[in-house]
Amino acid sequence: SSSALAHAYGLAVTGTMVVTAIMAFVVV
């Protein structure tokens, strides 16, 4: 079900956003 999958979701996205912020700092 989508409700069960929702628990698996989000962690990868937030991890990527953290990586983006760190590398954006280097670029800036």
mmCIF file of all heavy atoms, coordinates in Angstrom:
data_MODEL
# 
_entry.id   MODEL 
# 
loop_
_atom_site.group_PDB 
_atom_site.id 
_atom_site.type_symbol 
_atom_site.label_atom_id 
_atom_site.label_alt_id 
_atom_site.label_comp_id 
_atom_site.label_asym_id 
_atom_site.label_entity_id 
_atom_site.label_seq_id 
_atom_site.pdbx_PDB_ins_code 
_atom_site.Cartn_x 
_atom_site.Cartn_y 
_atom_site.Cartn_z 
_atom_site.occupancy 
_atom_site.B_iso_or_equiv 
_atom_site.pdbx_formal_charge 
_atom_site.auth_seq_id 
_atom_site.auth_comp_id 
_atom_site.auth_asym_id 
_atom_site.auth_atom_id 
_atom_site.pdbx_PDB_model_num 
ATOM 1   N N   . SER A 1 1  ? 0.837  -1.209 0.000  1.00 0.00 ? 1  SER A N   1 
ATOM 2   C CA  . SER A 1 1  ? 0.000  0.000  0.000  1.00 0.00 ? 1  SER A CA  1 
ATOM 3   C C   . SER A 1 1  ? 0.866  1.250  0.000  1.00 0.00 ? 1  SER A C   1 
ATOM 4   O O   . SER A 1 1  ? 2.037  1.211  0.399  1.00 0.00 ? 1  SER A O   1 
ATOM 5   C CB  . SER A 1 1  ? -0.925 0.021  1.219  1.00 0.00 ? 1  SER A CB  1 
ATOM 6   O OG  . SER A 1 1  ? -0.185 0.259  2.410  1.00 0.00 ? 1  SER A OG  1 
ATOM 7   N N   . SER A 1 2  ? 0.270  2.357  -0.423 1.00 0.00 ? 2  SER A N   1 
ATOM 8   C CA  . SER A 1 2  ? 1.017  3.618  -0.449 1.00 0.00 ? 2  SER A CA  1 
ATOM 9   C C   . SER A 1 2  ? 1.320  4.095  0.969  1.00 0.00 ? 2  SER A C   1 
ATOM 10  O O   . SER A 1 2  ? 2.352  4.718  1.212  1.00 0.00 ? 2  SER A O   1 
ATOM 11  C CB  . SER A 1 2  ? 0.236  4.681  -1.220 1.00 0.00 ? 2  SER A CB  1 
ATOM 12  O OG  . SER A 1 2  ? -1.002 4.957  -0.578 1.00 0.00 ? 2  SER A OG  1 
ATOM 13  N N   . SER A 1 3  ? 0.424  3.807  1.910  1.00 0.00 ? 3  SER A N   1 
ATOM 14  C CA  . SER A 1 3  ? 0.661  4.218  3.300  1.00 0.00 ? 3  SER A CA  1 
ATOM 15  C C   . SER A 1 3  ? 1.885  3.526  3.875  1.00 0.00 ? 3  SER A C   1 
ATOM 16  O O   . SER A 1 3  ? 2.710  4.143  4.578  1.00 0.00 ? 3  SER A O   1 
ATOM 17  C CB  . SER A 1 3  ? -0.564 3.905  4.165  1.00 0.00 ? 3  SER A CB  1 
ATOM 18  O OG  . SER A 1 3  ? -1.659 4.690  3.780  1.00 0.00 ? 3  SER A OG  1 
ATOM 19  N N   . ALA A 1 4  ? 2.043  2.224  3.595  1.00 0.00 ? 4  ALA A N   1 
ATOM 20  C CA  . ALA A 1 4  ? 3.217  1.500  4.074  1.00 0.00 ? 4  ALA A CA  1 
ATOM 21  C C   . ALA A 1 4  ? 4.482  2.012  3.384  1.00 0.00 ? 4  ALA A C   1 
ATOM 22  O O   . ALA A 1 4  ? 5.534  2.167  4.015  1.00 0.00 ? 4  ALA A O   1 
ATOM 23  C CB  . ALA A 1 4  ? 3.042  0.003  3.825  1.00 0.00 ? 4  ALA A CB  1 
ATOM 24  N N   . LEU A 1 5  ? 4.377  2.312  2.079  1.00 0.00 ? 5  LEU A N   1 
ATOM 25  C CA  . LEU A 1 5  ? 5.536  2.808  1.342  1.00 0.00 ? 5  LEU A CA  1 
ATOM 26  C C   . LEU A 1 5  ? 5.934  4.210  1.788  1.00 0.00 ? 5  LEU A C   1 
ATOM 27  O O   . LEU A 1 5  ? 7.094  4.608  1.650  1.00 0.00 ? 5  LEU A O   1 
ATOM 28  C CB  . LEU A 1 5  ? 5.224  2.819  -0.160 1.00 0.00 ? 5  LEU A CB  1 
ATOM 29  C CG  . LEU A 1 5  ? 5.723  1.614  -0.961 1.00 0.00 ? 5  LEU A CG  1 
ATOM 30  C CD1 . LEU A 1 5  ? 5.225  1.687  -2.395 1.00 0.00 ? 5  LEU A CD1 1 
ATOM 31  C CD2 . LEU A 1 5  ? 7.239  1.547  -0.945 1.00 0.00 ? 5  LEU A CD2 1 
ATOM 32  N N   . ALA A 1 6  ? 4.970  4.978  2.303  1.00 0.00 ? 6  ALA A N   1 
ATOM 33  C CA  . ALA A 1 6  ? 5.278  6.337  2.757  1.00 0.00 ? 6  ALA A CA  1 
ATOM 34  C C   . ALA A 1 6  ? 6.339  6.336  3.845  1.00 0.00 ? 6  ALA A C   1 
ATOM 35  O O   . ALA A 1 6  ? 7.107  7.288  3.982  1.00 0.00 ? 6  ALA A O   1 
ATOM 36  C CB  . ALA A 1 6  ? 4.001  7.026  3.264  1.00 0.00 ? 6  ALA A CB  1 
ATOM 37  N N   . HIS A 1 7  ? 6.398  5.256  4.648  1.00 0.00 ? 7  HIS A N   1 
ATOM 38  C CA  . HIS A 1 7  ? 7.422  5.166  5.686  1.00 0.00 ? 7  HIS A CA  1 
ATOM 39  C C   . HIS A 1 7  ? 8.814  5.042  5.073  1.00 0.00 ? 7  HIS A C   1 
ATOM 40  O O   . HIS A 1 7  ? 9.808  5.464  5.671  1.00 0.00 ? 7  HIS A O   1 
ATOM 41  C CB  . HIS A 1 7  ? 7.150  3.961  6.594  1.00 0.00 ? 7  HIS A CB  1 
ATOM 42  C CG  . HIS A 1 7  ? 5.896  4.069  7.397  1.00 0.00 ? 7  HIS A CG  1 
ATOM 43  N ND1 . HIS A 1 7  ? 5.675  5.105  8.280  1.00 0.00 ? 7  HIS A ND1 1 
ATOM 44  C CD2 . HIS A 1 7  ? 4.783  3.291  7.437  1.00 0.00 ? 7  HIS A CD2 1 
ATOM 45  C CE1 . HIS A 1 7  ? 4.479  4.955  8.840  1.00 0.00 ? 7  HIS A CE1 1 
ATOM 46  N NE2 . HIS A 1 7  ? 3.923  3.871  8.351  1.00 0.00 ? 7  HIS A NE2 1 
ATOM 47  N N   . ALA A 1 8  ? 8.887  4.420  3.890  1.00 0.00 ? 8  ALA A N   1 
ATOM 48  C CA  . ALA A 1 8  ? 10.182 4.248  3.231  1.00 0.00 ? 8  ALA A CA  1 
ATOM 49  C C   . ALA A 1 8  ? 10.583 5.492  2.468  1.00 0.00 ? 8  ALA A C   1 
ATOM 50  O O   . ALA A 1 8  ? 11.736 5.634  2.056  1.00 0.00 ? 8  ALA A O   1 
ATOM 51  C CB  . ALA A 1 8  ? 10.118 3.058  2.269  1.00 0.00 ? 8  ALA A CB  1 
ATOM 52  N N   . TYR A 1 9  ? 9.621  6.399  2.310  1.00 0.00 ? 9  TYR A N   1 
ATOM 53  C CA  . TYR A 1 9  ? 9.869  7.538  1.459  1.00 0.00 ? 9  TYR A CA  1 
ATOM 54  C C   . TYR A 1 9  ? 10.370 8.748  2.223  1.00 0.00 ? 9  TYR A C   1 
ATOM 55  O O   . TYR A 1 9  ? 10.098 8.906  3.386  1.00 0.00 ? 9  TYR A O   1 
ATOM 56  C CB  . TYR A 1 9  ? 8.579  7.898  0.706  1.00 0.00 ? 9  TYR A CB  1 
ATOM 57  C CG  . TYR A 1 9  ? 8.925  8.495  -0.609 1.00 0.00 ? 9  TYR A CG  1 
ATOM 58  C CD1 . TYR A 1 9  ? 9.530  7.726  -1.580 1.00 0.00 ? 9  TYR A CD1 1 
ATOM 59  C CD2 . TYR A 1 9  ? 8.729  9.838  -0.850 1.00 0.00 ? 9  TYR A CD2 1 
ATOM 60  C CE1 . TYR A 1 9  ? 9.897  8.279  -2.769 1.00 0.00 ? 9  TYR A CE1 1 
ATOM 61  C CE2 . TYR A 1 9  ? 9.088  10.384 -2.041 1.00 0.00 ? 9  TYR A CE2 1 
ATOM 62  C CZ  . TYR A 1 9  ? 9.676  9.607  -3.009 1.00 0.00 ? 9  TYR A CZ  1 
ATOM 63  O OH  . TYR A 1 9  ? 10.056 10.160 -4.183 1.00 0.00 ? 9  TYR A OH  1 
ATOM 64  N N   . GLY A 1 10 ? 11.084 9.595  1.576  1.00 0.00 ? 10 GLY A N   1 
ATOM 65  C CA  . GLY A 1 10 ? 11.514 10.866 2.163  1.00 0.00 ? 10 GLY A CA  1 
ATOM 66  C C   . GLY A 1 10 ? 12.952 10.890 2.594  1.00 0.00 ? 10 GLY A C   1 
ATOM 67  O O   . GLY A 1 10 ? 13.631 11.913 2.461  1.00 0.00 ? 10 GLY A O   1 
ATOM 68  N N   . LEU A 1 11 ? 13.463 9.773  3.145  1.00 0.00 ? 11 LEU A N   1 
ATOM 69  C CA  . LEU A 1 11 ? 14.828 9.767  3.669  1.00 0.00 ? 11 LEU A CA  1 
ATOM 70  C C   . LEU A 1 11 ? 15.842 10.008 2.551  1.00 0.00 ? 11 LEU A C   1 
ATOM 71  O O   . LEU A 1 11 ? 16.804 10.769 2.714  1.00 0.00 ? 11 LEU A O   1 
ATOM 72  C CB  . LEU A 1 11 ? 15.113 8.434  4.365  1.00 0.00 ? 11 LEU A CB  1 
ATOM 73  C CG  . LEU A 1 11 ? 16.351 8.403  5.266  1.00 0.00 ? 11 LEU A CG  1 
ATOM 74  C CD1 . LEU A 1 11 ? 16.254 9.470  6.345  1.00 0.00 ? 11 LEU A CD1 1 
ATOM 75  C CD2 . LEU A 1 11 ? 16.506 7.029  5.902  1.00 0.00 ? 11 LEU A CD2 1 
ATOM 76  N N   . ALA A 1 12 ? 15.631 9.354  1.399  1.00 0.00 ? 12 ALA A N   1 
ATOM 77  C CA  . ALA A 1 12 ? 16.554 9.534  0.280  1.00 0.00 ? 12 ALA A CA  1 
ATOM 78  C C   . ALA A 1 12 ? 16.507 10.967 -0.241 1.00 0.00 ? 12 ALA A C   1 
ATOM 79  O O   . ALA A 1 12 ? 17.537 11.557 -0.584 1.00 0.00 ? 12 ALA A O   1 
ATOM 80  C CB  . ALA A 1 12 ? 16.218 8.548  -0.842 1.00 0.00 ? 12 ALA A CB  1 
ATOM 81  N N   . VAL A 1 13 ? 15.293 11.543 -0.282 1.00 0.00 ? 13 VAL A N   1 
ATOM 82  C CA  . VAL A 1 13 ? 15.147 12.906 -0.797 1.00 0.00 ? 13 VAL A CA  1 
ATOM 83  C C   . VAL A 1 13 ? 15.826 13.910 0.128  1.00 0.00 ? 13 VAL A C   1 
ATOM 84  O O   . VAL A 1 13 ? 16.551 14.799 -0.320 1.00 0.00 ? 13 VAL A O   1 
ATOM 85  C CB  . VAL A 1 13 ? 13.653 13.265 -0.957 1.00 0.00 ? 13 VAL A CB  1 
ATOM 86  C CG1 . VAL A 1 13 ? 13.499 14.545 -1.746 1.00 0.00 ? 13 VAL A CG1 1 
ATOM 87  C CG2 . VAL A 1 13 ? 12.907 12.140 -1.632 1.00 0.00 ? 13 VAL A CG2 1 
ATOM 88  N N   . THR A 1 14 ? 15.593 13.771 1.434  1.00 0.00 ? 14 THR A N   1 
ATOM 89  C CA  . THR A 1 14 ? 16.220 14.704 2.376  1.00 0.00 ? 14 THR A CA  1 
ATOM 90  C C   . THR A 1 14 ? 17.737 14.554 2.338  1.00 0.00 ? 14 THR A C   1 
ATOM 91  O O   . THR A 1 14 ? 18.466 15.547 2.426  1.00 0.00 ? 14 THR A O   1 
ATOM 92  C CB  . THR A 1 14 ? 15.719 14.456 3.811  1.00 0.00 ? 14 THR A CB  1 
ATOM 93  O OG1 . THR A 1 14 ? 15.829 13.066 4.125  1.00 0.00 ? 14 THR A OG1 1 
ATOM 94  C CG2 . THR A 1 14 ? 14.287 14.882 3.972  1.00 0.00 ? 14 THR A CG2 1 
ATOM 95  N N   . GLY A 1 15 ? 18.217 13.312 2.200  1.00 0.00 ? 15 GLY A N   1 
ATOM 96  C CA  . GLY A 1 15 ? 19.660 13.095 2.095  1.00 0.00 ? 15 GLY A CA  1 
ATOM 97  C C   . GLY A 1 15 ? 20.241 13.802 0.894  1.00 0.00 ? 15 GLY A C   1 
ATOM 98  O O   . GLY A 1 15 ? 21.297 14.446 0.972  1.00 0.00 ? 15 GLY A O   1 
ATOM 99  N N   . THR A 1 16 ? 19.550 13.726 -0.238 1.00 0.00 ? 16 THR A N   1 
ATOM 100 C CA  . THR A 1 16 ? 20.014 14.406 -1.444 1.00 0.00 ? 16 THR A CA  1 
ATOM 101 C C   . THR A 1 16 ? 19.995 15.918 -1.269 1.00 0.00 ? 16 THR A C   1 
ATOM 102 O O   . THR A 1 16 ? 20.889 16.624 -1.743 1.00 0.00 ? 16 THR A O   1 
ATOM 103 C CB  . THR A 1 16 ? 19.135 14.012 -2.645 1.00 0.00 ? 16 THR A CB  1 
ATOM 104 O OG1 . THR A 1 16 ? 19.179 12.595 -2.798 1.00 0.00 ? 16 THR A OG1 1 
ATOM 105 C CG2 . THR A 1 16 ? 19.635 14.654 -3.924 1.00 0.00 ? 16 THR A CG2 1 
ATOM 106 N N   . MET A 1 17 ? 18.974 16.421 -0.581 1.00 0.00 ? 17 MET A N   1 
ATOM 107 C CA  . MET A 1 17 ? 18.900 17.871 -0.361 1.00 0.00 ? 17 MET A CA  1 
ATOM 108 C C   . MET A 1 17 ? 20.034 18.352 0.538  1.00 0.00 ? 17 MET A C   1 
ATOM 109 O O   . MET A 1 17 ? 20.575 19.450 0.344  1.00 0.00 ? 17 MET A O   1 
ATOM 110 C CB  . MET A 1 17 ? 17.538 18.244 0.237  1.00 0.00 ? 17 MET A CB  1 
ATOM 111 C CG  . MET A 1 17 ? 16.402 18.163 -0.755 1.00 0.00 ? 17 MET A CG  1 
ATOM 112 S SD  . MET A 1 17 ? 14.855 18.807 -0.069 1.00 0.00 ? 17 MET A SD  1 
ATOM 113 C CE  . MET A 1 17 ? 13.797 18.705 -1.524 1.00 0.00 ? 17 MET A CE  1 
ATOM 114 N N   . VAL A 1 18 ? 20.406 17.546 1.525  1.00 0.00 ? 18 VAL A N   1 
ATOM 115 C CA  . VAL A 1 18 ? 21.548 17.901 2.380  1.00 0.00 ? 18 VAL A CA  1 
ATOM 116 C C   . VAL A 1 18 ? 22.832 17.939 1.553  1.00 0.00 ? 18 VAL A C   1 
ATOM 117 O O   . VAL A 1 18 ? 23.648 18.863 1.665  1.00 0.00 ? 18 VAL A O   1 
ATOM 118 C CB  . VAL A 1 18 ? 21.686 16.897 3.551  1.00 0.00 ? 18 VAL A CB  1 
ATOM 119 C CG1 . VAL A 1 18 ? 23.012 17.102 4.280  1.00 0.00 ? 18 VAL A CG1 1 
ATOM 120 C CG2 . VAL A 1 18 ? 20.531 17.068 4.527  1.00 0.00 ? 18 VAL A CG2 1 
ATOM 121 N N   . VAL A 1 19 ? 23.004 16.929 0.689  1.00 0.00 ? 19 VAL A N   1 
ATOM 122 C CA  . VAL A 1 19 ? 24.177 16.888 -0.198 1.00 0.00 ? 19 VAL A CA  1 
ATOM 123 C C   . VAL A 1 19 ? 24.193 18.115 -1.108 1.00 0.00 ? 19 VAL A C   1 
ATOM 124 O O   . VAL A 1 19 ? 25.232 18.755 -1.303 1.00 0.00 ? 19 VAL A O   1 
ATOM 125 C CB  . VAL A 1 19 ? 24.168 15.593 -1.033 1.00 0.00 ? 19 VAL A CB  1 
ATOM 126 C CG1 . VAL A 1 19 ? 25.206 15.666 -2.159 1.00 0.00 ? 19 VAL A CG1 1 
ATOM 127 C CG2 . VAL A 1 19 ? 24.456 14.388 -0.154 1.00 0.00 ? 19 VAL A CG2 1 
ATOM 128 N N   . THR A 1 20 ? 23.028 18.467 -1.658 1.00 0.00 ? 20 THR A N   1 
ATOM 129 C CA  . THR A 1 20 ? 22.924 19.642 -2.526 1.00 0.00 ? 20 THR A CA  1 
ATOM 130 C C   . THR A 1 20 ? 23.336 20.909 -1.792 1.00 0.00 ? 20 THR A C   1 
ATOM 131 O O   . THR A 1 20 ? 24.078 21.745 -2.323 1.00 0.00 ? 20 THR A O   1 
ATOM 132 C CB  . THR A 1 20 ? 21.483 19.790 -3.062 1.00 0.00 ? 20 THR A CB  1 
ATOM 133 O OG1 . THR A 1 20 ? 21.153 18.648 -3.846 1.00 0.00 ? 20 THR A OG1 1 
ATOM 134 C CG2 . THR A 1 20 ? 21.338 21.044 -3.911 1.00 0.00 ? 20 THR A CG2 1 
ATOM 135 N N   . ALA A 1 21 ? 22.869 21.065 -0.554 1.00 0.00 ? 21 ALA A N   1 
ATOM 136 C CA  . ALA A 1 21 ? 23.197 22.260 0.226  1.00 0.00 ? 21 ALA A CA  1 
ATOM 137 C C   . ALA A 1 21 ? 24.702 22.344 0.506  1.00 0.00 ? 21 ALA A C   1 
ATOM 138 O O   . ALA A 1 21 ? 25.303 23.420 0.397  1.00 0.00 ? 21 ALA A O   1 
ATOM 139 C CB  . ALA A 1 21 ? 22.413 22.257 1.538  1.00 0.00 ? 21 ALA A CB  1 
ATOM 140 N N   . ILE A 1 22 ? 25.313 21.210 0.847  1.00 0.00 ? 22 ILE A N   1 
ATOM 141 C CA  . ILE A 1 22 ? 26.755 21.205 1.153  1.00 0.00 ? 22 ILE A CA  1 
ATOM 142 C C   . ILE A 1 22 ? 27.566 21.558 -0.094 1.00 0.00 ? 22 ILE A C   1 
ATOM 143 O O   . ILE A 1 22 ? 28.487 22.394 -0.047 1.00 0.00 ? 22 ILE A O   1 
ATOM 144 C CB  . ILE A 1 22 ? 27.188 19.835 1.714  1.00 0.00 ? 22 ILE A CB  1 
ATOM 145 C CG1 . ILE A 1 22 ? 26.531 19.591 3.070  1.00 0.00 ? 22 ILE A CG1 1 
ATOM 146 C CG2 . ILE A 1 22 ? 28.715 19.776 1.859  1.00 0.00 ? 22 ILE A CG2 1 
ATOM 147 C CD1 . ILE A 1 22 ? 26.752 18.189 3.614  1.00 0.00 ? 22 ILE A CD1 1 
ATOM 148 N N   . MET A 1 23 ? 27.223 20.936 -1.231 1.00 0.00 ? 23 MET A N   1 
ATOM 149 C CA  . MET A 1 23 ? 27.983 21.225 -2.454 1.00 0.00 ? 23 MET A CA  1 
ATOM 150 C C   . MET A 1 23 ? 27.684 22.636 -2.975 1.00 0.00 ? 23 MET A C   1 
ATOM 151 O O   . MET A 1 23 ? 28.552 23.274 -3.574 1.00 0.00 ? 23 MET A O   1 
ATOM 152 C CB  . MET A 1 23 ? 27.695 20.168 -3.519 1.00 0.00 ? 23 MET A CB  1 
ATOM 153 C CG  . MET A 1 23 ? 28.331 18.818 -3.205 1.00 0.00 ? 23 MET A CG  1 
ATOM 154 S SD  . MET A 1 23 ? 28.542 17.753 -4.644 1.00 0.00 ? 23 MET A SD  1 
ATOM 155 C CE  . MET A 1 23 ? 26.836 17.370 -5.004 1.00 0.00 ? 23 MET A CE  1 
ATOM 156 N N   . ALA A 1 24 ? 26.465 23.116 -2.728 1.00 0.00 ? 24 ALA A N   1 
ATOM 157 C CA  . ALA A 1 24 ? 26.143 24.497 -3.106 1.00 0.00 ? 24 ALA A CA  1 
ATOM 158 C C   . ALA A 1 24 ? 27.017 25.473 -2.317 1.00 0.00 ? 24 ALA A C   1 
ATOM 159 O O   . ALA A 1 24 ? 27.452 26.506 -2.853 1.00 0.00 ? 24 ALA A O   1 
ATOM 160 C CB  . ALA A 1 24 ? 24.664 24.790 -2.860 1.00 0.00 ? 24 ALA A CB  1 
ATOM 161 N N   . PHE A 1 25 ? 27.298 25.143 -1.056 1.00 0.00 ? 25 PHE A N   1 
ATOM 162 C CA  . PHE A 1 25 ? 28.189 25.982 -0.253 1.00 0.00 ? 25 PHE A CA  1 
ATOM 163 C C   . PHE A 1 25 ? 29.578 26.063 -0.884 1.00 0.00 ? 25 PHE A C   1 
ATOM 164 O O   . PHE A 1 25 ? 30.168 27.143 -0.983 1.00 0.00 ? 25 PHE A O   1 
ATOM 165 C CB  . PHE A 1 25 ? 28.290 25.428 1.171  1.00 0.00 ? 25 PHE A CB  1 
ATOM 166 C CG  . PHE A 1 25 ? 29.406 26.039 1.979  1.00 0.00 ? 25 PHE A CG  1 
ATOM 167 C CD1 . PHE A 1 25 ? 29.298 27.326 2.479  1.00 0.00 ? 25 PHE A CD1 1 
ATOM 168 C CD2 . PHE A 1 25 ? 30.582 25.327 2.214  1.00 0.00 ? 25 PHE A CD2 1 
ATOM 169 C CE1 . PHE A 1 25 ? 30.330 27.899 3.202  1.00 0.00 ? 25 PHE A CE1 1 
ATOM 170 C CE2 . PHE A 1 25 ? 31.618 25.889 2.935  1.00 0.00 ? 25 PHE A CE2 1 
ATOM 171 C CZ  . PHE A 1 25 ? 31.494 27.177 3.428  1.00 0.00 ? 25 PHE A CZ  1 
ATOM 172 N N   . VAL A 1 26 ? 30.100 24.919 -1.338 1.00 0.00 ? 26 VAL A N   1 
ATOM 173 C CA  . VAL A 1 26 ? 31.422 24.900 -1.979 1.00 0.00 ? 26 VAL A CA  1 
ATOM 174 C C   . VAL A 1 26 ? 31.413 25.748 -3.250 1.00 0.00 ? 26 VAL A C   1 
ATOM 175 O O   . VAL A 1 26 ? 32.341 26.535 -3.502 1.00 0.00 ? 26 VAL A O   1 
ATOM 176 C CB  . VAL A 1 26 ? 31.844 23.451 -2.302 1.00 0.00 ? 26 VAL A CB  1 
ATOM 177 C CG1 . VAL A 1 26 ? 33.168 23.441 -3.070 1.00 0.00 ? 26 VAL A CG1 1 
ATOM 178 C CG2 . VAL A 1 26 ? 31.973 22.626 -1.033 1.00 0.00 ? 26 VAL A CG2 1 
ATOM 179 N N   . VAL A 1 27 ? 30.343 25.602 -4.051 1.00 0.00 ? 27 VAL A N   1 
ATOM 180 C CA  . VAL A 1 27 ? 30.241 26.351 -5.299 1.00 0.00 ? 27 VAL A CA  1 
ATOM 181 C C   . VAL A 1 27 ? 30.147 27.854 -5.027 1.00 0.00 ? 27 VAL A C   1 
ATOM 182 O O   . VAL A 1 27 ? 30.825 28.662 -5.667 1.00 0.00 ? 27 VAL A O   1 
ATOM 183 C CB  . VAL A 1 27 ? 29.025 25.867 -6.122 1.00 0.00 ? 27 VAL A CB  1 
ATOM 184 C CG1 . VAL A 1 27 ? 28.753 26.788 -7.307 1.00 0.00 ? 27 VAL A CG1 1 
ATOM 185 C CG2 . VAL A 1 27 ? 29.255 24.443 -6.605 1.00 0.00 ? 27 VAL A CG2 1 
ATOM 186 N N   . VAL A 1 28 ? 29.309 28.220 -4.059 1.00 0.00 ? 28 VAL A N   1 
ATOM 187 C CA  . VAL A 1 28 ? 29.127 29.637 -3.732 1.00 0.00 ? 28 VAL A CA  1 
ATOM 188 C C   . VAL A 1 28 ? 30.424 30.249 -3.212 1.00 0.00 ? 28 VAL A C   1 
ATOM 189 O O   . VAL A 1 28 ? 30.812 31.364 -3.586 1.00 0.00 ? 28 VAL A O   1 
ATOM 190 C CB  . VAL A 1 28 ? 27.999 29.801 -2.686 1.00 0.00 ? 28 VAL A CB  1 
ATOM 191 C CG1 . VAL A 1 28 ? 28.001 31.200 -2.110 1.00 0.00 ? 28 VAL A CG1 1 
ATOM 192 C CG2 . VAL A 1 28 ? 26.647 29.506 -3.325 1.00 0.00 ? 28 VAL A CG2 1 
# 
